[in-house]
Protein backbone atom coordinates (compact mmCIF):
# COMPACT_ATOMS: atom_id res chain seq x y z
CA MET A 1 -23.24 92.97 44.50
CA ASN A 2 -24.95 93.01 40.27
CA PHE A 3 -24.95 89.60 38.79
CA PRO A 4 -25.97 89.32 34.94
CA GLY A 5 -29.88 88.31 35.20
CA TRP A 6 -29.01 84.90 33.47
CA VAL A 7 -26.67 84.66 36.33
CA PHE A 8 -30.19 84.88 38.94
CA GLU A 9 -32.16 83.09 36.38
CA PHE A 10 -29.62 79.81 36.94
CA LEU A 11 -29.28 80.21 40.76
CA SER A 12 -33.37 80.67 41.00
CA ALA A 13 -33.52 77.50 39.07
CA LEU A 14 -31.34 75.65 40.45
CA GLY A 15 -33.03 76.68 43.65
CA LEU A 16 -36.21 75.34 42.24
CA GLN A 17 -34.99 72.24 40.74
CA SER A 18 -33.44 71.47 44.82
CA LEU A 19 -37.09 71.32 45.61
CA TYR A 20 -38.98 69.59 42.61
CA VAL A 21 -36.13 66.63 44.05
CA LEU A 22 -37.31 66.93 47.64
CA ILE A 23 -40.90 66.48 46.43
CA VAL A 24 -40.08 63.33 43.86
CA PHE A 25 -38.07 61.95 47.06
CA LEU A 26 -40.92 62.18 49.22
CA VAL A 27 -43.16 61.05 47.24
CA LEU A 28 -40.39 57.95 46.92
CA ALA A 29 -39.21 57.68 50.16
CA ILE A 30 -41.54 54.48 50.90
CA PRO A 31 -41.37 52.41 47.90
CA ILE A 32 -37.20 53.74 47.90
CA VAL A 33 -37.16 51.89 51.76
CA ARG A 34 -39.08 48.64 50.31
CA SER A 35 -37.06 48.56 48.20
CA ARG A 36 -33.62 48.15 49.99
CA ASN A 37 -33.72 44.30 49.74
CA HIS A 38 -34.26 44.45 46.29
CA PRO A 39 -31.11 46.44 44.29
CA GLN A 40 -32.60 46.59 41.03
CA TRP A 41 -36.01 47.93 42.13
CA GLU A 42 -33.92 50.39 44.57
CA TYR A 43 -31.68 51.75 41.79
CA SER A 44 -34.58 52.30 39.27
CA LEU A 45 -36.24 54.35 41.62
CA TRP A 46 -33.17 56.18 42.05
CA ILE A 47 -32.48 57.04 38.53
CA LEU A 48 -35.84 58.53 39.08
CA ILE A 49 -34.07 60.99 41.20
CA MET A 50 -31.21 61.53 39.17
CA LEU A 51 -33.51 62.82 36.64
CA ARG A 52 -35.15 64.95 38.46
CA PHE A 53 -32.19 66.38 38.67
CA ILE A 54 -30.98 66.99 35.17
CA LEU A 55 -34.57 67.88 33.73
CA PRO A 56 -36.06 71.28 32.68
CA VAL A 57 -37.64 72.99 35.73
CA ASN A 58 -40.25 73.97 33.32
CA LEU A 59 -40.84 70.64 31.86
CA ALA A 60 -44.85 70.18 31.82
CA MET A 61 -47.22 67.77 30.93
CA PRO A 62 -51.12 67.57 31.23
CA PHE A 63 -50.95 64.81 33.48
CA SER A 64 -48.61 65.05 36.28
CA LEU A 65 -47.94 65.21 40.13
CA ALA A 66 -47.66 69.48 39.60
CA GLN A 67 -50.94 69.33 37.53
CA TRP A 68 -53.03 67.37 39.94
CA MET A 69 -51.68 69.34 42.98
CA GLN A 70 -52.28 72.35 41.39
CA SER A 71 -56.57 71.15 40.71
CA LEU A 72 -55.96 70.03 44.30
CA ARG A 73 -55.85 73.97 44.94
CA LEU A 74 -53.44 73.22 47.12
CA PRO A 75 -52.48 76.29 49.86
CA LEU A 76 -51.07 79.37 48.15
CA ARG A 77 -47.73 79.25 49.25
CA LEU A 78 -46.72 75.42 47.81
CA GLU A 79 -48.89 76.11 44.68
CA CYS A 80 -47.21 79.35 43.88
CA PHE A 81 -43.52 77.23 43.90
CA PHE A 82 -44.92 74.99 41.18
CA ALA A 83 -46.77 77.44 38.78
CA HIS A 84 -43.40 80.27 38.72
CA HIS A 85 -40.19 80.83 38.36
CA SER A 86 -38.96 83.55 40.96
CA ALA A 87 -35.97 85.24 38.38
CA GLY A 88 -36.29 88.45 36.72
CA THR A 89 -39.20 89.05 39.46
CA ASP A 90 -39.79 91.88 41.98
CA PHE A 91 -41.95 91.98 45.06
CA GLY A 92 -43.14 95.34 46.29
CA GLY A 93 -43.80 94.94 49.90
CA THR A 94 -47.25 96.15 49.81
CA SER A 95 -49.93 94.65 51.97
CA LEU A 96 -53.34 93.84 50.60
CA SER A 97 -54.50 96.64 52.81
CA GLN A 98 -52.56 99.15 50.75
CA LEU A 99 -54.54 98.51 47.35
CA SER A 100 -56.28 101.57 47.89
CA GLU A 101 -53.61 104.30 48.39
CA PRO A 102 -53.37 106.61 45.72
CA LEU A 103 -50.86 105.44 42.44
CA LEU A 104 -48.91 108.80 43.50
CA ASP A 105 -48.37 107.35 47.01
CA TRP A 106 -46.48 104.56 45.52
CA PRO A 107 -42.78 106.06 46.21
CA GLY A 108 -43.42 105.72 49.56
CA ALA A 109 -44.63 102.07 49.69
CA LEU A 110 -41.22 100.77 49.72
CA ASN A 111 -38.38 102.47 52.04
CA THR A 112 -36.74 99.57 53.86
CA ALA A 113 -33.52 97.26 52.45
CA VAL A 114 -33.86 94.11 51.62
CA ILE A 115 -31.32 91.51 52.48
CA ASP A 116 -30.16 89.97 48.83
CA PHE A 117 -30.09 86.41 49.77
CA LEU A 118 -29.45 85.72 45.94
CA ASP A 119 -26.24 87.43 46.62
CA ILE A 120 -25.14 85.44 49.05
CA TRP A 121 -26.53 82.23 47.90
CA GLY A 122 -24.88 82.68 44.49
CA ILE A 123 -21.40 83.32 46.15
CA PHE A 124 -21.85 79.94 48.15
CA TRP A 125 -22.87 77.87 45.33
CA GLY A 126 -20.19 79.30 43.48
CA PHE A 127 -17.09 78.65 45.68
CA GLY A 128 -18.48 75.45 46.70
CA ALA A 129 -18.85 74.33 43.24
CA ILE A 130 -15.67 75.34 42.19
CA ILE A 131 -14.27 73.45 45.07
CA MET A 132 -16.09 70.39 44.11
CA MET A 133 -15.09 70.44 40.58
CA VAL A 134 -11.22 70.87 40.85
CA VAL A 135 -11.52 68.04 43.53
CA PHE A 136 -13.23 65.39 40.46
CA ILE A 137 -10.38 67.05 38.07
CA VAL A 138 -7.65 66.34 40.45
CA ARG A 139 -8.82 63.05 41.47
CA TYR A 140 -9.47 62.00 37.52
CA ARG A 141 -6.18 63.38 36.44
CA SER A 142 -4.60 61.37 38.84
CA TYR A 143 -6.40 58.22 37.30
CA GLN A 144 -5.43 59.44 33.83
CA ARG A 145 -1.75 60.15 35.18
CA HIS A 146 -1.44 56.80 36.30
CA LEU A 147 -3.38 54.79 33.24
CA THR A 148 -0.48 56.52 31.13
CA GLN A 149 2.00 55.80 33.13
CA GLY A 150 0.73 51.77 33.55
CA ARG A 151 1.91 49.08 31.29
CA LYS A 152 -0.40 47.14 28.80
CA VAL A 153 -1.63 43.91 30.32
CA THR A 154 0.06 40.85 28.44
CA GLU A 155 -0.47 37.74 30.37
CA ILE A 156 -1.70 35.39 28.27
CA PHE A 157 -4.39 34.62 31.28
CA TRP A 158 -5.93 38.17 31.11
CA LEU A 159 -6.09 38.76 27.32
CA THR A 160 -7.59 35.31 26.66
CA GLN A 161 -10.00 35.64 29.16
CA SER A 162 -11.09 39.48 27.66
CA GLU A 163 -11.39 37.91 24.27
CA LYS A 164 -13.92 35.76 26.08
CA LEU A 165 -16.03 37.57 27.83
CA GLN A 166 -15.90 40.29 24.95
CA ARG A 167 -17.66 37.86 22.69
CA ARG A 168 -20.19 36.16 25.09
CA LEU A 169 -21.61 39.63 25.99
CA GLY A 170 -21.26 40.96 22.41
CA ILE A 171 -19.17 44.01 23.33
CA ARG A 172 -17.73 45.69 20.14
CA ARG A 173 -15.97 48.41 22.31
CA ARG A 174 -12.18 48.52 21.84
CA ILE A 175 -11.24 47.30 25.69
CA SER A 176 -7.71 47.90 27.07
CA LEU A 177 -6.60 45.99 30.17
CA VAL A 178 -3.55 48.33 32.05
CA THR A 179 -1.53 47.81 35.15
CA ALA A 180 0.46 49.42 37.08
CA PRO A 181 2.01 49.68 41.27
CA ALA A 182 0.29 52.82 42.09
CA LEU A 183 -3.13 52.16 42.45
CA ASP A 184 -4.08 49.07 44.24
CA SER A 185 -8.19 48.74 43.37
CA PRO A 186 -9.31 47.51 40.23
CA PHE A 187 -11.83 49.90 37.80
CA THR A 188 -13.18 50.84 34.43
CA THR A 189 -13.24 54.20 32.85
CA GLY A 190 -14.05 55.27 29.67
CA ILE A 191 -17.02 55.12 27.91
CA LEU A 192 -16.80 54.65 23.40
CA LYS A 193 -12.75 53.58 24.19
CA PRO A 194 -12.97 51.33 27.99
CA ILE A 195 -10.21 50.92 30.11
CA ILE A 196 -10.03 48.38 32.79
CA PHE A 197 -7.57 49.03 35.62
CA ILE A 198 -6.09 45.63 37.29
CA PRO A 199 -3.87 46.07 40.25
CA GLU A 200 -0.51 44.41 40.02
CA LYS A 201 -1.27 42.33 43.27
CA VAL A 202 -4.23 40.72 41.48
CA ILE A 203 -1.74 40.18 38.50
CA ARG A 204 0.43 38.21 40.43
CA ALA A 205 -2.36 36.89 42.52
CA LYS A 206 -3.24 32.69 42.06
CA ASP A 207 -6.68 32.93 42.60
CA VAL A 208 -7.96 32.07 39.60
CA THR A 209 -11.55 32.70 40.80
CA LEU A 210 -10.93 36.12 41.82
CA LYS A 211 -9.10 37.42 38.92
CA LYS A 212 -12.33 35.78 36.98
CA ALA A 213 -14.90 37.77 39.19
CA ILE A 214 -12.74 40.94 38.89
CA LEU A 215 -12.88 40.78 35.09
CA THR A 216 -16.60 39.69 34.61
CA HIS A 217 -17.47 41.90 36.81
CA GLU A 218 -15.86 44.71 35.19
CA PHE A 219 -16.71 43.63 31.62
CA MET A 220 -20.59 43.99 33.07
CA HIS A 221 -20.10 47.63 34.00
CA ILE A 222 -18.45 48.09 30.61
CA LYS A 223 -21.87 46.40 29.25
CA ARG A 224 -24.15 48.51 31.17
CA PHE A 225 -22.90 51.91 30.60
CA ASP A 226 -22.57 52.51 34.14
CA GLN A 227 -19.45 54.69 33.40
CA PHE A 228 -22.19 56.99 31.39
CA PHE A 229 -24.10 57.27 34.27
CA ASN A 230 -21.08 57.94 36.87
CA HIS A 231 -20.51 61.64 34.81
CA PHE A 232 -24.36 62.25 35.14
CA THR A 233 -23.84 61.36 39.15
CA VAL A 234 -20.23 63.92 39.50
CA LEU A 235 -21.66 66.46 37.65
CA ILE A 236 -25.36 66.48 40.33
CA LEU A 237 -22.72 66.62 42.48
CA ILE A 238 -20.76 69.32 41.30
CA PHE A 239 -24.22 71.30 40.75
CA PHE A 240 -26.01 70.44 43.52
CA PHE A 241 -23.40 69.94 46.33
CA PHE A 242 -25.40 71.49 49.09
CA HIS A 243 -28.37 69.04 48.55
CA PRO A 244 -27.91 66.29 51.11
CA LEU A 245 -30.32 63.85 48.49
CA ALA A 246 -27.36 64.47 45.69
CA TRP A 247 -24.91 62.75 48.04
CA LEU A 248 -27.35 60.04 49.23
CA MET A 249 -28.74 59.18 45.78
CA SER A 250 -25.05 58.82 44.52
CA ARG A 251 -23.79 56.71 47.66
CA ARG A 252 -27.14 54.11 46.98
CA MET A 253 -26.74 53.95 43.10
CA MET A 254 -23.18 53.06 43.39
CA LEU A 255 -24.04 50.35 46.12
CA CYS A 256 -27.00 49.06 43.67
CA ARG A 257 -25.10 48.95 40.79
CA GLU A 258 -22.30 47.37 42.01
CA SER A 259 -24.61 44.68 43.36
CA LEU A 260 -26.24 44.16 40.01
CA CYS A 261 -22.89 43.66 38.61
CA ASP A 262 -22.53 40.98 40.73
CA GLN A 263 -25.90 39.33 39.60
CA TYR A 264 -25.20 39.91 35.99
CA VAL A 265 -21.65 37.91 36.27
CA LEU A 266 -23.11 35.07 38.05
CA ARG A 267 -25.95 34.85 35.54
CA HIS A 268 -22.85 35.06 32.69
CA SER A 269 -20.59 32.94 34.05
CA ARG A 270 -19.43 29.79 35.39
CA LEU A 271 -18.45 31.22 38.96
CA SER A 272 -21.12 29.46 41.96
CA ARG A 273 -22.38 31.90 44.78
CA ALA A 274 -19.73 30.75 47.50
CA GLU A 275 -16.67 31.38 44.82
CA TYR A 276 -18.13 34.83 43.78
CA GLY A 277 -18.75 35.62 47.42
CA ALA A 278 -15.11 33.93 48.36
CA SER A 279 -13.57 36.72 45.65
CA LEU A 280 -15.15 39.31 47.38
CA ILE A 281 -13.83 38.96 50.44
CA SER A 282 -10.43 38.31 49.79
CA LEU A 283 -10.53 41.88 48.02
CA LEU A 284 -10.46 42.65 52.50
CA GLY A 285 -7.32 40.82 52.31
CA LEU A 286 -5.73 42.22 49.46
CA SER A 287 -6.53 46.07 50.53
CA LEU A 288 -8.54 46.56 47.38
CA LYS A 289 -10.54 49.87 48.12
CA GLN A 290 -12.06 52.38 46.03
CA PRO A 291 -11.61 55.66 47.47
CA PRO A 292 -14.10 58.39 47.63
CA LEU A 293 -15.31 60.69 45.26
CA SER A 294 -13.72 58.60 42.45
CA GLY A 295 -16.54 58.80 39.64
CA ILE A 296 -15.48 55.17 38.47
CA SER A 297 -16.81 51.92 38.33
CA GLY A 298 -15.14 49.20 40.00
CA PHE A 299 -14.84 45.68 41.94
CA GLY A 300 -12.71 46.93 45.27
CA LEU A 301 -14.93 49.02 47.89
CA ALA A 302 -14.77 49.08 51.61
CA ALA A 303 -15.43 46.83 53.77
CA SER A 304 -19.30 47.64 54.61
CA GLN A 305 -20.07 47.78 50.95
CA ILE A 306 -18.75 44.46 50.78
CA HIS A 307 -21.05 43.35 53.61
CA TYR A 308 -24.39 45.32 51.62
CA ARG A 309 -23.35 43.17 48.35
CA LEU A 310 -22.62 39.93 50.21
CA VAL A 311 -26.22 39.98 51.67
CA HIS A 312 -27.96 40.93 48.12
CA LEU A 313 -25.76 38.34 46.19
CA LYS A 314 -28.47 36.11 45.91
CA GLY A 315 -30.40 38.44 43.95
CA GLY A 316 -33.51 38.06 42.61
CA PRO A 317 -35.57 37.41 39.11
CA PRO A 318 -35.24 40.39 36.68
CA MET A 319 -37.76 43.22 36.81
CA LYS A 320 -40.89 41.99 34.98
CA LYS A 321 -42.29 43.96 32.10
CA ARG A 322 -45.00 45.13 33.77
CA LYS A 323 -42.89 46.55 36.37
CA ARG A 324 -40.85 48.23 34.00
CA ILE A 325 -44.57 49.78 32.36
CA ALA A 326 -45.56 51.05 36.11
CA LEU A 327 -41.89 52.45 36.39
CA ILE A 328 -42.16 54.83 33.31
CA ALA A 329 -45.46 55.69 34.22
CA THR A 330 -44.24 56.36 37.59
CA ALA A 331 -41.85 58.66 35.64
CA LEU A 332 -44.15 60.57 33.80
CA PHE A 333 -46.56 61.46 36.65
CA LEU A 334 -43.31 62.68 38.74
CA LEU A 335 -41.01 64.19 36.67
CA PRO A 336 -42.66 66.74 35.23
CA MET A 337 -42.74 69.42 37.72
CA ALA A 338 -44.00 72.53 36.16
CA VAL A 339 -47.66 73.26 35.71
CA GLN A 340 -48.64 73.33 32.32
CA SER A 341 -51.18 76.10 30.72
CA ASN A 342 -52.49 77.48 27.69
CA SER A 343 -49.70 80.85 27.03
CA SER A 344 -52.49 81.72 24.71
CA GLN A 345 -55.19 82.04 27.38
CA GLN A 346 -52.53 83.34 29.54
CA ASN A 347 -51.51 86.12 27.21
CA THR A 348 -54.44 87.06 25.33
CA PRO A 349 -57.31 89.39 27.38
CA ASP A 350 -60.84 88.66 26.97
CA GLN A 351 -62.16 91.24 23.76
CA GLN A 352 -65.51 92.75 26.25
CA LEU A 353 -62.79 93.60 29.27
CA ILE A 354 -60.78 95.64 26.33
CA ASP A 355 -63.36 97.29 25.09
CA SER A 356 -64.53 97.94 28.58
CA ALA A 357 -61.29 99.64 29.08
CA PRO A 358 -61.42 103.49 29.55
CA VAL A 359 -58.52 104.26 27.24
CA ASP A 360 -57.01 102.17 24.53
CA LEU A 361 -53.94 100.28 25.86
CA THR A 362 -51.27 98.39 24.13
CA ALA A 363 -48.22 96.36 25.40
CA PRO A 364 -45.76 98.80 26.87
CA ILE A 365 -42.55 96.58 25.63
CA ARG A 366 -42.19 94.02 22.67
CA GLN A 367 -39.77 91.37 23.45
CA GLY A 368 -39.51 89.46 27.03
CA ARG A 369 -41.71 86.89 28.54
CA ILE A 370 -43.76 87.21 31.22
CA SER A 371 -42.03 85.93 34.50
CA ALA A 372 -44.52 87.14 37.21
CA PRO A 373 -48.27 87.53 37.00
CA PHE A 374 -50.20 89.45 38.77
CA GLY A 375 -51.66 88.62 41.93
CA PRO A 376 -51.15 86.45 45.23
CA MET A 377 -46.93 85.18 45.02
CA ILE A 378 -44.49 84.50 47.17
CA ASP A 379 -41.78 86.96 47.82
CA PRO A 380 -38.44 85.77 46.59
CA PHE A 381 -36.41 87.55 49.08
CA LYS A 382 -38.36 87.13 52.47
CA LYS A 383 -40.01 84.20 51.38
CA ILE A 384 -43.32 85.18 52.61
CA GLU A 385 -46.96 85.52 50.91
CA ARG A 386 -47.33 89.24 49.14
CA HIS A 387 -49.69 90.37 46.43
CA HIS A 388 -47.94 91.55 43.71
CA LYS A 389 -50.13 94.74 42.17
CA GLY A 390 -48.10 94.52 38.70
CA ILE A 391 -46.78 91.92 36.02
CA ASP A 392 -43.15 91.53 35.43
CA ILE A 393 -41.89 90.92 31.92
CA ALA A 394 -38.18 89.31 32.12
CA ALA A 395 -36.05 91.13 28.95
CA GLU A 396 -32.75 92.09 28.51
CA THR A 397 -31.29 95.19 29.55
CA GLY A 398 -31.71 97.82 27.19
CA THR A 399 -34.77 96.85 26.16
CA THR A 400 -36.90 99.29 25.12
CA LEU A 401 -40.46 100.13 26.90
CA TYR A 402 -43.07 102.31 25.07
CA ALA A 403 -46.50 104.61 26.73
CA ALA A 404 -49.03 102.33 26.91
CA ALA A 405 -51.49 104.83 25.44
CA ASP A 406 -51.69 108.76 25.15
CA GLY A 407 -51.08 110.73 28.35
CA LYS A 408 -49.30 112.82 30.59
CA VAL A 409 -46.37 112.11 32.64
CA VAL A 410 -47.12 112.79 36.40
CA PHE A 411 -44.06 111.20 38.25
CA VAL A 412 -40.56 110.50 37.36
CA GLN A 413 -37.97 108.98 40.02
CA LYS A 414 -34.29 108.52 38.91
CA GLU A 415 -32.57 108.70 41.96
CA PHE A 416 -32.56 105.11 43.91
CA LYS A 417 -30.92 103.40 46.49
CA ALA A 418 -29.90 99.57 45.94
CA GLN A 419 -32.44 96.90 46.84
CA GLN A 420 -34.94 99.35 47.39
CA GLY A 421 -38.14 100.41 45.84
CA TYR A 422 -39.15 100.44 42.38
CA GLY A 423 -35.17 101.79 41.29
CA LYS A 424 -36.01 104.34 38.38
CA ASN A 425 -39.68 104.63 37.73
CA VAL A 426 -42.46 106.67 35.39
CA ILE A 427 -46.11 107.19 36.42
CA ILE A 428 -48.03 108.47 33.26
CA ASP A 429 -51.96 109.20 33.76
CA HIS A 430 -53.88 108.62 30.29
CA GLY A 431 -57.20 110.24 32.03
CA SER A 432 -60.59 108.53 32.76
CA GLY A 433 -59.01 107.24 36.02
CA VAL A 434 -56.38 105.14 34.21
CA GLN A 435 -52.42 105.59 35.46
CA THR A 436 -49.85 103.10 34.61
CA ARG A 437 -46.04 102.68 36.61
CA TYR A 438 -43.29 101.38 34.97
CA ALA A 439 -40.85 100.36 37.06
CA LYS A 440 -37.03 98.56 37.27
CA MET A 441 -36.05 100.91 34.90
CA GLU A 442 -32.16 101.37 33.70
CA ARG A 443 -32.91 104.84 31.87
CA ILE A 444 -35.43 106.79 31.43
CA PHE A 445 -36.53 109.47 28.18
CA VAL A 446 -38.86 111.33 29.67
CA LYS A 447 -39.66 114.19 32.43
CA SER A 448 -42.64 114.88 34.52
CA GLY A 449 -45.11 117.29 32.45
CA ASP A 450 -43.95 115.79 29.69
CA GLN A 451 -47.33 114.87 26.73
CA VAL A 452 -46.71 111.11 25.19
CA LYS A 453 -48.44 109.41 22.36
CA LYS A 454 -49.60 105.52 22.54
CA GLY A 455 -46.13 103.85 21.71
CA GLN A 456 -43.52 106.86 22.12
CA GLN A 457 -40.10 105.41 23.36
CA ILE A 458 -40.03 106.28 27.32
CA GLY A 459 -37.02 104.26 28.60
CA GLU A 460 -35.13 101.11 28.49
CA VAL A 461 -35.57 97.89 30.89
CA GLY A 462 -33.02 97.58 33.70
CA SER A 463 -32.59 95.83 37.10
CA THR A 464 -33.06 98.90 39.16
CA GLY A 465 -34.24 98.96 43.40
CA ILE A 466 -35.37 95.32 44.45
CA SER A 467 -34.99 93.07 41.61
CA THR A 468 -33.49 90.06 40.59
CA GLY A 469 -33.01 90.21 37.34
CA PRO A 470 -33.59 92.67 34.60
CA HIS A 471 -36.93 93.04 34.04
CA LEU A 472 -40.34 95.50 33.73
CA HIS A 473 -42.57 96.07 36.43
CA PHE A 474 -45.83 96.83 34.81
CA GLU A 475 -49.00 98.14 36.94
CA LEU A 476 -52.13 99.62 35.99
CA LYS A 477 -54.64 101.28 38.18
CA MET A 478 -58.09 102.28 37.03
CA GLY A 479 -59.63 104.30 39.65
CA LYS A 480 -58.65 103.43 43.01
CA ASP A 481 -57.77 100.06 42.31
CA PHE A 482 -54.87 97.83 40.84
CA VAL A 483 -55.68 95.69 38.15
CA ASN A 484 -54.36 93.05 35.80
CA PRO A 485 -52.79 94.39 32.87
CA GLN A 486 -52.79 91.09 31.41
CA ASP A 487 -56.81 91.52 31.49
CA TYR A 488 -56.96 94.80 29.23
CA ILE A 489 -53.65 94.07 27.25
CA ASP A 490 -52.31 91.83 24.75
CA PHE A 491 -49.37 90.72 25.49
CA SER A 492 -49.43 87.59 23.04
CA GLY A 493 -46.75 89.72 20.36
CA LEU A 494 -43.86 89.44 23.31
CA ASN A 495 -41.15 87.38 21.20
């Protein structure tokens, strides 16, 4: 299956993001476990996990966990995960012992089929994400339908209490109270125009303490913009439905969020802990239970979750300023998981090496980005360490390719098998023992025996052979050795 290049980019980024989240969680695992008796601390730590789910995979800073781990020279397998993104790359399956083989033996270096795990992964993820999206949309529309079919709460008690809470908490957004017999759990939805749903059985209840507890609790959700974080959680569950940490994060954040609202209610109301705790227990008698996968904030939860809130009802002092500063510093250290590097140093070779080259070489492509460098890397298909004999330059299909120097075309391969070998490729002999290969091509404009000039168009970028997306696989050989093209060619002009 030939997915577009951007699809492979996305799927590869998804896998890399999953690894990053796991690394951040392992670092925070002990603090998270120790903070389970302090909902505010635990909630803050889980927010770091949530941020790692949604931040770009290429986020880098000079002082970060990834930069520090790279400076320790970790084992190659782990270091490569930090340093590189595999989309738009290929690996020839060539061992280090094969580097001395003649250039013209390259076509035979790859003749074994490789299962395209990205295709399987893409199909699995696509179906899973669609199912999750449908589940959430159906649930959301069900709530919206009940809200539109319900009636506005007109009882004086609710309206009066609502006005008092809105003034006391300084909430300027317009808040609506709605009730309907179809749903039996109070909840809040909406960010700019919040709607609080109050079940009919609560409207009719005679327990004034229960009514005040529920209404104050829902107002706290609005004050804290909890629905905003709920939306992020839903998106994470859709995109990372396969990741156990996404589900664990969603559950623990929900418990912490409800517990924090309980504590805020006690600070901003005249309810005692005993009265508020009794109201939580009263929910069980009324069967007020919030269904799963709702993506909303609500007072009603399952019995085990209410037990958690009762245990943590006493709470503790708010997070101190120094703890907040420490948390921000931790975030700045943990969340940037890409390795920061000087792009000019990466793409601009040493002038002495350029001058020492037997022939004058130029970049074989004008547009793209270097997606995989020369040297040891991790094969994205087999997940094993291999030596990458060239560099990969990710570019759009059809991007023009040029001869790196004057020379003679000594090999042209137009026939290939899917997910095998170099695909369509060309080898040019430039004399003085220098040869170049241009692989994964979509179209070839030259034939074997042609004399070409430096900068002459020889073909177009493609994704043939073993490939995770459209790119140029470019190899440079001097004598019997494969060398790093970035040492002899200036690629800083790539757009």
